[in-house]
Protein backbone atom coordinates (compact mmCIF):
# COMPACT_ATOMS: atom_id res chain seq x y z
CA MET A 1 15.30 21.95 1.59
CA LYS A 2 17.45 20.92 -1.38
CA ARG A 3 14.91 18.26 -2.31
CA GLY A 4 12.09 20.83 -2.34
CA ILE A 5 14.10 23.27 -4.50
CA PHE A 6 15.00 20.50 -6.94
CA CYS A 7 11.35 19.50 -7.25
CA LEU A 8 10.31 23.12 -7.83
CA LEU A 9 12.93 23.61 -10.56
CA THR A 10 12.00 20.43 -12.37
CA CYS A 11 8.35 21.47 -12.31
CA VAL A 12 9.27 24.79 -13.91
CA ILE A 13 11.49 23.40 -16.64
CA SER A 14 9.50 20.27 -17.47
CA THR A 15 5.94 19.25 -18.05
CA ILE A 16 3.91 17.19 -15.66
CA ILE A 17 3.55 13.59 -16.84
CA PRO A 18 -0.08 12.46 -16.72
CA LEU A 19 -0.97 8.77 -16.46
CA TYR A 20 -4.49 7.46 -16.47
CA LEU A 21 -6.30 4.74 -14.61
CA SER A 22 -10.04 4.90 -13.98
CA GLY A 23 -9.30 8.53 -13.06
CA ALA A 24 -6.27 10.68 -13.89
CA VAL A 25 -3.28 9.92 -11.68
CA ARG A 26 -1.30 13.15 -11.72
CA TYR A 27 2.28 13.84 -10.74
CA HIS A 28 3.31 17.08 -9.07
CA CYS A 29 6.52 17.14 -11.10
CA ASN A 30 8.93 14.87 -12.93
CA SER A 31 11.08 14.22 -9.87
CA ASP A 32 8.03 12.63 -8.23
CA TYR A 33 7.51 10.48 -11.28
CA GLN A 34 11.06 9.23 -10.85
CA GLY A 35 10.73 9.08 -7.07
CA VAL A 36 8.04 6.42 -7.27
CA GLU A 37 10.61 4.00 -8.69
CA LYS A 38 12.96 4.74 -5.79
CA LEU A 39 10.13 4.20 -3.33
CA MET A 40 9.35 0.78 -4.81
CA GLN A 41 13.03 -0.14 -4.84
CA ALA A 42 13.25 0.76 -1.16
CA ALA A 43 10.36 -1.59 -0.40
CA ALA A 44 11.75 -4.48 -2.45
CA GLY A 45 13.79 -7.45 -1.24
CA GLU A 46 11.49 -8.67 1.54
CA GLU A 47 8.92 -11.44 1.32
CA ASN A 48 7.23 -10.17 4.47
CA TYR A 49 4.64 -7.48 3.67
CA GLY A 50 5.04 -5.71 7.00
CA LYS A 51 8.81 -5.41 6.60
CA ARG A 52 8.34 -4.00 3.09
CA ILE A 53 6.01 -1.38 4.51
CA VAL A 54 8.64 -0.42 7.11
CA LYS A 55 11.35 -0.15 4.45
CA ALA A 56 9.15 2.10 2.31
CA ALA A 57 8.30 4.23 5.35
CA ARG A 58 11.97 4.58 6.33
CA SER A 59 12.84 5.77 2.83
CA MET A 60 10.58 8.80 3.44
CA VAL A 61 12.20 9.81 6.75
CA GLY A 62 13.15 13.48 6.62
CA VAL A 63 10.46 14.54 4.15
CA PRO A 64 8.70 17.68 5.46
CA LEU A 65 5.11 17.76 6.63
CA GLY A 66 2.86 19.36 4.01
CA LYS A 67 -0.73 19.75 2.95
CA ALA A 68 -2.36 17.01 0.89
CA ALA A 69 -1.46 17.54 -2.76
CA ASP A 70 -4.91 16.47 -4.00
CA ASN A 71 -6.79 19.16 -2.08
CA ASP A 72 -7.66 21.16 -5.19
CA THR A 73 -10.72 21.75 -7.36
CA VAL A 74 -10.32 18.35 -9.04
CA GLY A 75 -9.47 15.98 -6.21
CA THR A 76 -8.00 13.14 -8.26
CA ILE A 77 -4.72 11.58 -7.10
CA ILE A 78 -1.62 13.76 -7.23
CA ILE A 79 1.64 12.03 -6.36
CA ARG A 80 4.03 14.38 -4.57
CA LEU A 81 7.04 13.17 -2.60
CA ASP A 82 8.84 16.36 -1.53
CA THR A 83 6.23 17.07 1.17
CA LEU A 84 3.77 14.66 2.79
CA SER A 85 0.52 14.83 4.66
CA GLN A 86 -0.23 12.12 7.21
CA ARG A 87 -2.56 10.20 4.92
CA GLU A 88 -0.21 10.49 1.93
CA PHE A 89 2.66 9.03 3.96
CA ILE A 90 0.64 5.98 5.02
CA ASN A 91 -0.89 5.39 1.59
CA TYR A 92 2.46 5.71 -0.21
CA ALA A 93 4.13 3.23 2.14
CA LEU A 94 1.34 0.68 1.70
CA ALA A 95 1.21 1.16 -2.07
CA ALA A 96 4.99 0.83 -2.49
CA ALA A 97 5.06 -2.36 -0.41
CA LYS A 98 2.20 -3.83 -2.42
CA ALA A 99 3.64 -2.82 -5.80
CA ALA A 100 7.11 -4.12 -4.95
CA MET A 101 5.81 -7.69 -5.03
CA ALA A 102 4.74 -7.48 -8.67
CA VAL A 103 6.85 -9.20 -11.33
CA ASN A 104 9.12 -6.48 -12.74
CA PRO A 105 7.14 -3.74 -10.99
CA ASP A 106 6.71 -0.37 -12.67
CA LYS A 107 4.94 2.87 -11.84
CA SER A 108 1.58 1.57 -13.00
CA ASP A 109 1.72 -1.08 -10.26
CA PHE A 110 2.27 1.65 -7.68
CA GLU A 111 -0.52 3.79 -9.12
CA LYS A 112 -2.99 0.91 -9.02
CA ALA A 113 -2.01 0.00 -5.47
CA LEU A 114 -2.26 3.64 -4.40
CA GLU A 115 -5.69 4.02 -5.95
CA SER A 116 -6.84 0.85 -4.21
CA VAL A 117 -5.83 1.94 -0.73
CA SER A 118 -6.49 5.70 -0.97
CA ARG A 119 -9.88 5.91 -2.70
CA LYS A 120 -13.37 4.68 -1.88
CA LYS A 121 -14.00 1.22 -3.32
CA GLY A 122 -10.51 1.45 -4.81
CA THR A 123 -11.60 3.81 -7.58
CA ASP A 124 -10.53 7.42 -8.07
CA ASN A 125 -13.64 9.47 -8.73
CA GLY A 126 -12.28 12.83 -7.66
CA PHE A 127 -12.74 14.73 -4.43
CA VAL A 128 -15.66 12.77 -2.97
CA SER A 129 -13.76 9.47 -3.37
CA GLN A 130 -11.04 10.65 -0.97
CA PHE A 131 -10.91 9.58 2.66
CA PHE A 132 -10.95 12.50 5.06
CA TYR A 133 -11.68 10.44 8.17
CA GLY A 134 -9.77 7.50 9.54
CA SER A 135 -13.00 5.64 10.22
CA ASP A 136 -14.06 5.90 6.57
CA TRP A 137 -10.64 4.78 5.33
CA ILE A 138 -10.61 1.85 7.75
CA GLN A 139 -14.12 0.60 6.99
CA ASP A 140 -13.64 0.74 3.24
CA ASN A 141 -10.23 -0.95 3.23
CA ILE A 142 -11.34 -3.64 5.66
CA SER A 143 -14.29 -4.44 3.38
CA ARG A 144 -11.88 -4.93 0.45
CA GLY A 145 -9.32 -6.95 2.39
CA ASN A 146 -6.58 -4.31 2.62
CA LEU A 147 -6.72 -3.88 6.40
CA LYS A 148 -7.61 -5.83 9.51
CA GLU A 149 -8.89 -4.13 12.68
CA MET A 150 -6.80 -5.28 15.62
CA THR A 151 -8.14 -2.85 18.23
CA ASP A 152 -10.75 -5.25 19.56
CA TYR A 153 -8.26 -8.11 19.86
CA LEU A 154 -7.29 -6.67 23.22
CA ASP A 155 -9.22 -6.67 26.47
CA GLY A 156 -10.29 -3.38 28.01
CA GLY A 157 -11.33 -1.61 24.82
CA SER A 158 -14.06 0.98 24.63
CA PHE A 159 -15.93 3.22 22.18
CA LYS A 160 -16.29 6.97 21.77
CA THR A 161 -19.18 8.42 19.77
CA LYS A 162 -18.48 11.25 17.35
CA SER A 163 -20.21 12.96 14.43
CA LEU A 164 -17.54 13.32 11.75
CA ASP A 165 -18.40 16.43 9.77
CA TYR A 166 -15.23 18.51 9.70
CA VAL A 167 -15.12 18.83 5.90
CA THR A 168 -18.56 20.35 5.38
CA ARG A 169 -18.20 22.56 8.45
CA HIS A 170 -14.90 23.90 7.10
CA ARG A 171 -15.96 24.24 3.48
CA ASP A 172 -13.55 27.08 2.72
CA GLU A 173 -10.54 24.84 3.40
CA PHE A 174 -11.40 22.58 0.45
CA PRO A 175 -11.43 24.20 -3.04
CA ALA A 176 -13.55 21.43 -4.56
CA MET A 177 -16.32 22.24 -2.08
CA ALA A 178 -17.03 25.51 -3.91
CA ASP A 179 -19.08 23.31 -6.22
CA SER A 180 -22.55 22.87 -4.71
CA ALA A 181 -22.99 19.34 -6.04
CA THR A 182 -19.69 18.24 -4.48
CA TYR A 183 -20.69 19.86 -1.20
CA GLU A 184 -24.00 17.99 -1.15
CA LYS A 185 -22.25 14.69 -1.88
CA MET A 186 -19.92 15.27 1.05
CA ARG A 187 -22.87 16.06 3.29
CA ALA A 188 -24.42 12.73 2.29
CA ILE A 189 -21.16 10.90 3.06
CA GLU A 190 -20.89 12.54 6.46
CA MET A 191 -24.47 11.61 7.31
CA GLY A 192 -23.17 8.05 7.51
CA PHE A 193 -20.78 9.11 10.27
CA ARG A 194 -23.22 10.87 12.57
CA SER A 195 -23.08 9.41 16.06
CA HIS A 196 -20.36 7.08 14.81
CA ARG A 197 -18.91 4.70 17.39
CA ILE A 198 -15.11 4.62 17.23
CA PRO A 199 -13.36 1.73 18.98
CA HIS A 200 -10.21 2.47 20.92
CA GLN A 201 -7.78 1.19 23.48
CA LYS A 202 -6.62 3.26 26.44
CA LYS A 203 -3.27 4.86 25.64
CA GLN A 204 -1.77 3.41 28.86
CA SER A 205 -2.15 -0.11 27.44
CA ILE A 206 0.41 0.39 24.66
CA GLY A 207 3.26 -0.65 26.97
CA ASN A 208 1.57 -3.84 28.19
CA LYS A 209 3.46 -7.01 27.45
CA SER A 210 0.38 -8.55 25.86
CA VAL A 211 0.23 -5.69 23.34
CA VAL A 212 3.96 -5.48 22.60
CA GLU A 213 4.13 -9.23 21.90
CA LEU A 214 1.34 -8.96 19.33
CA LEU A 215 2.59 -5.90 17.45
CA LYS A 216 4.36 -6.54 14.14
CA ASP A 217 6.38 -4.58 11.61
CA GLY A 218 4.06 -2.63 9.33
CA ASP A 219 1.16 -2.40 11.79
CA ILE A 220 -0.59 0.97 11.85
CA ILE A 221 -1.30 2.96 15.00
CA ILE A 222 -3.83 5.82 14.97
CA MET A 223 -3.91 8.23 17.90
CA LEU A 224 -7.43 9.59 18.41
CA PRO A 225 -7.96 13.31 19.12
CA PRO A 226 -10.51 14.73 21.58
CA GLU A 227 -12.12 16.98 18.93
CA ASP A 228 -15.68 15.91 18.16
CA ASP A 229 -15.54 16.18 14.37
CA PHE A 230 -12.23 14.51 13.55
CA ASP A 231 -10.70 11.10 14.30
CA ILE A 232 -6.94 11.30 13.65
CA TYR A 233 -4.42 13.19 15.73
CA ASP A 234 -1.47 11.16 14.44
CA ILE A 235 -0.99 8.00 12.42
CA GLY A 236 2.16 5.96 11.96
CA ILE A 237 3.75 2.66 11.03
CA VAL A 238 5.19 0.31 13.63
CA ALA A 239 8.83 -0.73 13.29
CA MET A 240 10.00 -3.36 15.78
CA ASP A 241 13.42 -2.68 17.29
CA SER A 242 14.88 -5.38 19.58
CA GLY A 243 11.36 -6.43 20.52
CA GLN A 244 10.13 -2.89 21.19
CA PRO A 245 7.73 -1.02 18.88
CA ARG A 246 8.74 2.36 17.52
CA LEU A 247 6.70 4.61 15.25
CA ILE A 248 7.57 6.00 11.82
CA HIS A 249 5.22 8.91 11.17
CA VAL A 250 4.81 12.47 9.97
CA SER A 251 5.57 14.10 13.31
CA ARG A 252 3.70 17.31 14.08
CA GLN A 253 6.30 18.16 16.69
CA ASN A 254 9.24 17.81 14.25
CA GLY A 255 7.44 18.93 11.10
CA LYS A 256 8.73 15.98 9.07
CA VAL A 257 8.73 12.20 8.76
CA VAL A 258 10.69 10.65 11.64
CA GLU A 259 11.40 7.26 13.14
CA ASP A 260 11.04 8.02 16.83
CA GLU A 261 13.99 7.33 19.09
CA TYR A 262 11.56 6.35 21.84
CA ASP A 263 9.38 3.26 21.93
CA LEU A 264 5.60 3.66 21.73
CA LYS A 265 5.14 3.62 25.49
CA ARG A 266 7.46 6.61 25.92
CA LEU A 267 6.02 8.40 22.88
CA PHE A 268 2.50 8.04 24.25
CA LYS A 269 3.61 9.58 27.54
CA ILE A 270 5.24 12.51 25.76
CA GLU A 271 2.29 13.29 23.49
CA GLY A 272 -0.49 11.83 25.64
CA GLN A 273 -2.08 15.22 26.30
CA PHE A 274 -3.13 15.46 22.64
CA PHE A 275 -5.09 12.21 22.30
CA TYR A 276 -7.32 9.97 24.40
CA GLY A 277 -6.72 6.50 22.94
CA TYR A 278 -5.56 4.59 19.89
CA ARG A 279 -6.67 2.25 17.11
CA TRP A 280 -4.49 -0.58 15.87
CA LEU A 281 -4.66 -1.90 12.30
CA ARG A 282 -2.80 -4.56 10.36
CA PRO A 283 -2.32 -4.27 6.57
CA THR A 284 -3.09 -7.49 4.69
CA GLU A 285 -1.83 -8.68 1.32
């Protein structure tokens, strides 16, 4: 609460600091501009990429769940750290861990890393360059070497076919979609995800010894919802604790970023009614 009030006050009494890459990277307020440095500092001090991701994720524990800051008429990146959507949380953790390995890292290293992981082909071209579906984000980042699909490394996997078209079917939820040209571009993007086959593992497998032994710090787990037009119920970062995987994520149940007290097997039992399976990804440097 105090963090949100502080951010609001600094936005009122100060100007937003714009920085520019291939598109304009915007900051919600000055405290976010300063917060990026703290996020990179939290991720520093580890050679292992996965452990840096975990440290960055842990530094965001307690931040409230919020709507994506870049869901406006422009759609270019807006960095906001006082509230987080699910995709912002993941992208910020990955970007901070990547930027922290630069020599004398500064905010431009974070901005570049964030643009790389959060925008199609690593370039911010406004609303239509955002990722609204996990499948789109995964495919694009795998093609550019940012992620590795681990789901099919396990036996017993399967596929579920979906047509991912939530954005165009809920046009009023996205201010940028008031523009007809933007709407048509999104329709074209979603055409590529009609009858899309999504790989998954059965949720019961998460407690198997063969899975637990392969999971590493910084791995990403996506829980897949039953809805036909969407492919993320929850997404989080694995943190290994005495050989057992726990999840750091923007919890819908708690309304904020948490590191679960339960291991993944117990978490899946608690929330299993909301999803049918999971995808497993590994960030790569």
